[in-house]
N, C-alpha and C. Protein backbone atom coordinates (compact mmCIF):
# COMPACT_ATOMS: atom_id res chain seq x y z
N MET A 1 12.43 34.15 18.19
CA MET A 1 13.40 34.13 17.10
C MET A 1 13.43 32.70 16.53
N SER A 2 13.36 32.61 15.22
CA SER A 2 13.36 31.30 14.57
C SER A 2 14.76 30.68 14.61
N LEU A 3 14.81 29.38 14.34
CA LEU A 3 16.09 28.67 14.30
C LEU A 3 17.01 29.30 13.26
N TYR A 4 16.47 29.61 12.10
CA TYR A 4 17.26 30.24 11.04
C TYR A 4 17.84 31.57 11.51
N GLN A 5 17.03 32.39 12.16
CA GLN A 5 17.50 33.69 12.64
C GLN A 5 18.60 33.53 13.69
N ARG A 6 18.46 32.52 14.55
CA ARG A 6 19.50 32.27 15.56
C ARG A 6 20.80 31.83 14.89
N GLN A 7 20.70 31.00 13.85
CA GLN A 7 21.90 30.55 13.14
C GLN A 7 22.59 31.72 12.45
N VAL A 8 21.80 32.59 11.84
CA VAL A 8 22.37 33.77 11.18
C VAL A 8 23.04 34.67 12.22
N GLN A 9 22.40 34.82 13.37
CA GLN A 9 22.96 35.64 14.44
C GLN A 9 24.29 35.05 14.93
N LYS A 10 24.35 33.74 15.10
CA LYS A 10 25.59 33.09 15.54
C LYS A 10 26.70 33.28 14.51
N LEU A 11 26.37 33.10 13.24
CA LEU A 11 27.36 33.29 12.19
C LEU A 11 27.86 34.73 12.18
N SER A 12 26.95 35.66 12.33
CA SER A 12 27.32 37.07 12.37
C SER A 12 28.25 37.35 13.54
N LEU A 13 27.94 36.79 14.70
CA LEU A 13 28.78 36.96 15.88
C LEU A 13 30.16 36.37 15.63
N LYS A 14 30.20 35.18 15.05
CA LYS A 14 31.49 34.55 14.76
C LYS A 14 32.33 35.44 13.86
N GLN A 15 31.71 36.00 12.84
CA GLN A 15 32.46 36.83 11.91
C GLN A 15 32.90 38.13 12.57
N LYS A 16 32.10 38.67 13.48
CA LYS A 16 32.52 39.88 14.19
C LYS A 16 33.69 39.59 15.11
N VAL A 17 33.62 38.45 15.79
CA VAL A 17 34.65 38.10 16.76
C VAL A 17 35.93 37.63 16.07
N PHE A 18 35.78 36.75 15.08
CA PHE A 18 36.94 36.11 14.49
C PHE A 18 37.21 36.49 13.04
N GLY A 19 36.21 36.92 12.31
CA GLY A 19 36.39 37.22 10.89
C GLY A 19 36.57 35.95 10.09
N ASN A 20 36.84 36.10 8.82
CA ASN A 20 37.11 34.95 7.96
C ASN A 20 38.61 34.70 7.99
N PHE A 21 38.98 33.46 8.23
CA PHE A 21 40.40 33.18 8.40
C PHE A 21 40.76 31.80 7.87
N ILE A 22 42.04 31.60 7.69
CA ILE A 22 42.59 30.29 7.41
C ILE A 22 43.71 30.06 8.41
N SER A 23 43.93 28.81 8.76
CA SER A 23 45.02 28.50 9.69
C SER A 23 46.04 27.61 9.00
N ILE A 24 47.29 27.91 9.26
CA ILE A 24 48.40 27.18 8.67
C ILE A 24 49.30 26.73 9.81
N SER A 25 49.66 25.47 9.83
CA SER A 25 50.55 25.01 10.90
C SER A 25 51.98 25.42 10.59
N ARG A 26 52.71 25.69 11.66
CA ARG A 26 54.13 26.02 11.51
C ARG A 26 54.91 25.30 12.61
N ALA A 27 55.81 24.45 12.18
CA ALA A 27 56.65 23.74 13.13
C ALA A 27 58.02 23.53 12.51
N ILE A 28 58.98 24.28 13.01
CA ILE A 28 60.36 24.14 12.58
C ILE A 28 61.17 23.78 13.82
N CYS A 29 61.80 22.65 13.78
CA CYS A 29 62.56 22.18 14.94
C CYS A 29 63.67 23.18 15.27
N PRO A 30 63.72 23.65 16.51
CA PRO A 30 64.77 24.59 16.88
C PRO A 30 66.15 23.94 16.99
N ASN A 31 66.17 22.62 17.01
CA ASN A 31 67.44 21.91 17.15
C ASN A 31 68.09 21.61 15.79
N CYS A 32 67.30 21.10 14.83
CA CYS A 32 67.88 20.69 13.55
C CYS A 32 67.29 21.43 12.34
N ASN A 33 66.36 22.35 12.59
CA ASN A 33 65.71 23.16 11.55
C ASN A 33 64.84 22.36 10.57
N HIS A 34 64.48 21.15 10.94
CA HIS A 34 63.58 20.36 10.10
C HIS A 34 62.18 20.98 10.16
N GLN A 35 61.57 21.18 9.00
CA GLN A 35 60.21 21.71 8.96
C GLN A 35 59.23 20.54 8.90
N LEU A 36 58.40 20.45 9.92
CA LEU A 36 57.46 19.34 10.02
C LEU A 36 56.18 19.65 9.26
N ASP A 37 55.62 18.64 8.61
CA ASP A 37 54.30 18.80 7.99
C ASP A 37 53.24 18.43 9.03
N ASP A 38 51.98 18.61 8.69
CA ASP A 38 50.90 18.35 9.65
C ASP A 38 50.94 16.93 10.21
N ASN A 39 51.17 15.95 9.35
CA ASN A 39 51.21 14.56 9.82
C ASN A 39 52.34 14.33 10.82
N GLN A 40 53.48 14.93 10.57
CA GLN A 40 54.61 14.78 11.48
C GLN A 40 54.33 15.49 12.81
N ILE A 41 53.68 16.64 12.74
CA ILE A 41 53.32 17.36 13.97
C ILE A 41 52.40 16.49 14.82
N ILE A 42 51.35 15.98 14.20
CA ILE A 42 50.37 15.15 14.92
C ILE A 42 51.03 13.89 15.47
N ALA A 43 51.84 13.24 14.66
CA ALA A 43 52.52 12.01 15.10
C ALA A 43 53.46 12.28 16.27
N GLY A 44 53.97 13.50 16.37
CA GLY A 44 54.92 13.83 17.42
C GLY A 44 54.31 14.16 18.77
N PHE A 45 52.98 14.28 18.83
CA PHE A 45 52.34 14.56 20.11
C PHE A 45 52.34 13.30 20.98
N SER A 46 52.41 13.51 22.29
CA SER A 46 52.31 12.38 23.22
C SER A 46 50.83 12.13 23.53
N ASN A 47 50.55 11.14 24.33
CA ASN A 47 49.17 10.86 24.73
C ASN A 47 48.70 11.74 25.88
N ASP A 48 49.58 12.57 26.39
CA ASP A 48 49.25 13.45 27.51
C ASP A 48 48.48 14.67 26.99
N PRO A 49 47.20 14.83 27.38
CA PRO A 49 46.42 15.95 26.85
C PRO A 49 46.88 17.32 27.36
N TYR A 50 47.83 17.34 28.28
CA TYR A 50 48.31 18.61 28.82
C TYR A 50 49.72 18.95 28.33
N ASP A 51 50.29 18.09 27.50
CA ASP A 51 51.62 18.33 26.94
C ASP A 51 51.45 18.77 25.49
N PHE A 52 51.68 20.05 25.21
CA PHE A 52 51.44 20.61 23.88
C PHE A 52 52.66 20.53 22.97
N HIS A 53 53.69 19.86 23.40
CA HIS A 53 54.90 19.73 22.59
C HIS A 53 54.76 18.62 21.56
N THR A 54 55.38 18.82 20.42
CA THR A 54 55.51 17.76 19.43
C THR A 54 56.97 17.34 19.41
N THR A 55 57.25 16.25 18.76
CA THR A 55 58.62 15.73 18.71
C THR A 55 59.10 15.70 17.27
N CYS A 56 60.27 16.23 17.05
CA CYS A 56 60.86 16.22 15.71
C CYS A 56 61.19 14.78 15.32
N PRO A 57 60.76 14.34 14.13
CA PRO A 57 61.06 12.97 13.72
C PRO A 57 62.53 12.76 13.35
N LYS A 58 63.25 13.84 13.11
CA LYS A 58 64.67 13.73 12.72
C LYS A 58 65.58 13.60 13.94
N CYS A 59 65.43 14.54 14.89
CA CYS A 59 66.38 14.57 16.02
C CYS A 59 65.73 14.23 17.37
N ARG A 60 64.40 14.05 17.38
CA ARG A 60 63.64 13.67 18.59
C ARG A 60 63.52 14.78 19.63
N LYS A 61 63.88 16.01 19.28
CA LYS A 61 63.75 17.16 20.18
C LYS A 61 62.28 17.55 20.30
N LYS A 62 61.83 17.86 21.52
CA LYS A 62 60.45 18.30 21.74
C LYS A 62 60.38 19.82 21.67
N PHE A 63 59.31 20.32 21.06
CA PHE A 63 59.12 21.77 20.95
C PHE A 63 57.65 22.05 20.65
N LEU A 64 57.25 23.31 20.78
CA LEU A 64 55.88 23.72 20.48
C LEU A 64 55.72 24.02 19.00
N SER A 65 54.59 23.63 18.45
CA SER A 65 54.25 24.02 17.08
C SER A 65 53.11 25.04 17.16
N TYR A 66 52.93 25.80 16.11
CA TYR A 66 51.97 26.91 16.14
C TYR A 66 51.04 26.89 14.94
N LEU A 67 49.91 27.56 15.13
CA LEU A 67 49.01 27.85 14.02
C LEU A 67 49.22 29.31 13.65
N ILE A 68 49.38 29.55 12.38
CA ILE A 68 49.45 30.92 11.88
C ILE A 68 48.06 31.23 11.34
N ILE A 69 47.45 32.26 11.86
CA ILE A 69 46.08 32.62 11.49
C ILE A 69 46.16 33.80 10.52
N ARG A 70 45.63 33.59 9.34
CA ARG A 70 45.66 34.63 8.30
C ARG A 70 44.25 35.00 7.89
N ASP A 71 44.07 36.27 7.57
CA ASP A 71 42.81 36.74 7.01
C ASP A 71 42.65 36.09 5.64
N SER A 72 41.51 35.49 5.40
CA SER A 72 41.33 34.76 4.14
C SER A 72 41.24 35.67 2.92
N GLU A 73 40.97 36.95 3.14
CA GLU A 73 40.87 37.87 2.01
C GLU A 73 42.18 38.60 1.74
N THR A 74 42.86 39.04 2.80
CA THR A 74 44.08 39.83 2.62
C THR A 74 45.36 39.01 2.78
N ASN A 75 45.23 37.81 3.34
CA ASN A 75 46.35 36.92 3.63
C ASN A 75 47.30 37.49 4.69
N GLU A 76 46.87 38.52 5.41
CA GLU A 76 47.68 39.09 6.48
C GLU A 76 47.46 38.29 7.76
N GLU A 77 48.50 38.21 8.58
CA GLU A 77 48.36 37.52 9.85
C GLU A 77 47.37 38.27 10.73
N LYS A 78 46.45 37.52 11.36
CA LYS A 78 45.41 38.12 12.19
C LYS A 78 45.79 38.17 13.67
N GLU A 79 46.49 37.18 14.12
CA GLU A 79 46.80 37.08 15.55
C GLU A 79 48.26 37.46 15.77
N LEU A 80 48.48 38.38 16.68
CA LEU A 80 49.84 38.80 16.97
C LEU A 80 50.49 37.89 18.01
N THR A 81 49.67 37.30 18.86
CA THR A 81 50.22 36.37 19.85
C THR A 81 50.21 34.96 19.25
N PRO A 82 51.21 34.17 19.55
CA PRO A 82 51.27 32.82 18.98
C PRO A 82 50.08 31.96 19.43
N ILE A 83 49.58 31.17 18.51
CA ILE A 83 48.51 30.22 18.79
C ILE A 83 49.15 28.83 18.77
N VAL A 84 49.23 28.21 19.92
CA VAL A 84 49.84 26.89 20.00
C VAL A 84 48.93 25.88 19.30
N PHE A 85 49.53 25.06 18.46
CA PHE A 85 48.81 24.01 17.74
C PHE A 85 48.62 22.84 18.70
N MET A 86 47.37 22.47 18.92
CA MET A 86 47.04 21.36 19.81
C MET A 86 46.51 20.20 18.97
N CYS A 87 46.74 18.98 19.41
CA CYS A 87 46.16 17.84 18.71
C CYS A 87 44.68 17.71 19.09
N LYS A 88 43.97 16.80 18.45
CA LYS A 88 42.53 16.64 18.72
C LYS A 88 42.27 16.27 20.18
N VAL A 89 43.08 15.38 20.72
CA VAL A 89 42.89 14.94 22.11
C VAL A 89 43.03 16.13 23.06
N GLN A 90 44.04 16.96 22.82
CA GLN A 90 44.26 18.13 23.67
C GLN A 90 43.11 19.13 23.51
N THR A 91 42.65 19.30 22.28
CA THR A 91 41.55 20.22 22.02
C THR A 91 40.29 19.75 22.73
N LEU A 92 39.97 18.47 22.60
CA LEU A 92 38.79 17.93 23.28
C LEU A 92 38.91 18.04 24.80
N GLN A 93 40.09 17.79 25.33
CA GLN A 93 40.29 17.90 26.79
C GLN A 93 40.07 19.33 27.25
N ALA A 94 40.60 20.29 26.51
CA ALA A 94 40.41 21.69 26.87
C ALA A 94 38.94 22.08 26.80
N MET A 95 38.23 21.57 25.79
CA MET A 95 36.80 21.84 25.67
C MET A 95 36.04 21.25 26.86
N LYS A 96 36.37 20.02 27.23
CA LYS A 96 35.70 19.37 28.36
C LYS A 96 35.95 20.13 29.65
N THR A 97 37.17 20.59 29.84
CA THR A 97 37.51 21.34 31.05
C THR A 97 36.69 22.62 31.15
N ILE A 98 36.60 23.35 30.05
CA ILE A 98 35.81 24.59 30.06
C ILE A 98 34.34 24.28 30.28
N LYS A 99 33.84 23.24 29.63
CA LYS A 99 32.43 22.89 29.80
C LYS A 99 32.13 22.50 31.25
N GLU A 100 33.04 21.77 31.88
CA GLU A 100 32.85 21.39 33.28
C GLU A 100 32.84 22.61 34.20
N LYS A 101 33.70 23.57 33.92
CA LYS A 101 33.80 24.76 34.76
C LYS A 101 32.67 25.76 34.51
N ARG A 102 32.28 25.91 33.24
CA ARG A 102 31.32 26.95 32.87
C ARG A 102 29.93 26.41 32.54
N GLY A 103 29.82 25.12 32.27
CA GLY A 103 28.54 24.55 31.89
C GLY A 103 28.29 24.60 30.38
N LYS A 104 29.01 25.45 29.68
CA LYS A 104 28.89 25.54 28.23
C LYS A 104 30.14 26.19 27.67
N ILE A 105 30.28 26.10 26.37
CA ILE A 105 31.41 26.74 25.69
C ILE A 105 30.81 27.71 24.68
N GLY A 106 30.65 28.94 25.07
CA GLY A 106 30.07 29.94 24.19
C GLY A 106 31.11 30.55 23.26
N ILE A 107 30.68 30.86 22.06
CA ILE A 107 31.61 31.41 21.08
C ILE A 107 32.12 32.78 21.52
N SER A 108 31.28 33.57 22.18
CA SER A 108 31.75 34.88 22.63
C SER A 108 32.78 34.73 23.75
N TYR A 109 32.60 33.72 24.60
CA TYR A 109 33.59 33.45 25.65
C TYR A 109 34.94 33.10 25.02
N LEU A 110 34.91 32.24 24.01
CA LEU A 110 36.16 31.86 23.34
C LEU A 110 36.82 33.07 22.69
N GLY A 111 36.01 33.93 22.10
CA GLY A 111 36.56 35.12 21.44
C GLY A 111 37.29 36.04 22.38
N LYS A 112 36.80 36.10 23.61
CA LYS A 112 37.42 37.00 24.59
C LYS A 112 38.50 36.31 25.41
N ASN A 113 38.33 35.01 25.67
CA ASN A 113 39.17 34.36 26.66
C ASN A 113 40.04 33.21 26.18
N ASN A 114 39.70 32.61 25.05
CA ASN A 114 40.47 31.44 24.65
C ASN A 114 40.48 31.27 23.13
N ARG A 115 41.09 32.20 22.47
CA ARG A 115 41.17 32.15 21.01
C ARG A 115 41.98 30.94 20.55
N GLN A 116 42.96 30.56 21.33
CA GLN A 116 43.77 29.39 20.98
C GLN A 116 42.89 28.15 20.85
N LEU A 117 42.01 27.95 21.81
CA LEU A 117 41.12 26.79 21.75
C LEU A 117 40.19 26.91 20.55
N PHE A 118 39.63 28.09 20.33
CA PHE A 118 38.72 28.26 19.19
C PHE A 118 39.39 27.88 17.88
N TYR A 119 40.57 28.41 17.62
CA TYR A 119 41.24 28.12 16.35
C TYR A 119 41.59 26.64 16.21
N ASN A 120 41.94 26.00 17.31
CA ASN A 120 42.22 24.57 17.25
C ASN A 120 40.94 23.76 17.04
N MET A 121 39.83 24.21 17.63
CA MET A 121 38.54 23.54 17.40
C MET A 121 38.20 23.57 15.91
N ILE A 122 38.33 24.73 15.31
CA ILE A 122 38.01 24.88 13.89
C ILE A 122 38.99 24.08 13.04
N ARG A 123 40.25 24.11 13.41
CA ARG A 123 41.27 23.39 12.65
C ARG A 123 40.96 21.89 12.60
N HIS A 124 40.56 21.33 13.73
CA HIS A 124 40.35 19.88 13.80
C HIS A 124 38.94 19.43 13.40
N PHE A 125 37.94 20.25 13.68
CA PHE A 125 36.56 19.79 13.50
C PHE A 125 35.78 20.58 12.45
N GLY A 126 36.40 21.59 11.86
CA GLY A 126 35.78 22.30 10.75
C GLY A 126 34.93 23.50 11.12
N THR A 127 34.06 23.34 12.09
CA THR A 127 33.19 24.44 12.51
C THR A 127 33.04 24.42 14.03
N TYR A 128 32.58 25.52 14.55
CA TYR A 128 32.28 25.61 15.98
C TYR A 128 31.23 24.56 16.35
N GLY A 129 30.18 24.45 15.54
CA GLY A 129 29.11 23.49 15.80
C GLY A 129 29.60 22.05 15.82
N ASN A 130 30.43 21.69 14.85
CA ASN A 130 30.99 20.34 14.82
C ASN A 130 31.83 20.08 16.07
N SER A 131 32.57 21.10 16.49
CA SER A 131 33.42 20.96 17.68
C SER A 131 32.58 20.67 18.91
N ILE A 132 31.52 21.45 19.09
CA ILE A 132 30.66 21.29 20.26
C ILE A 132 29.98 19.92 20.24
N SER A 133 29.60 19.46 19.05
CA SER A 133 28.93 18.16 18.97
C SER A 133 29.85 17.01 19.37
N MET A 134 31.16 17.21 19.32
CA MET A 134 32.11 16.17 19.72
C MET A 134 32.03 15.89 21.22
N LEU A 135 31.50 16.83 21.99
CA LEU A 135 31.40 16.65 23.44
C LEU A 135 30.17 15.85 23.84
N ASN A 136 29.24 15.71 22.94
CA ASN A 136 27.98 15.02 23.27
C ASN A 136 28.04 13.55 22.95
């Protein structure tokens, strides 16, 4: 199989597993109802790669922020379970952990076992390929 054919096959698999989507961050402080924008969400993360909470800039309350995954054609929500929004450091740490345990991070594995990580990889790095290259 040629390189081009493998790339087409990977893209086809990605679309079967995930479809075409857009992600939108959602973070509304449960304490003061302040709606955080992306910059405020990112600024509110700690340096701990295992702490997924952000901090409200208004009241300093910690809480989880989420990604809303929508079908890019119908604009309907695709994921019924919440997808926690992770910062780049957390995303990279999760990728490293999976790579250490499994030896690789396959797209089909993510589709079945860790959609949260997949959506955060795409959110921060643009594509699956760009995300994987960050580990090298």
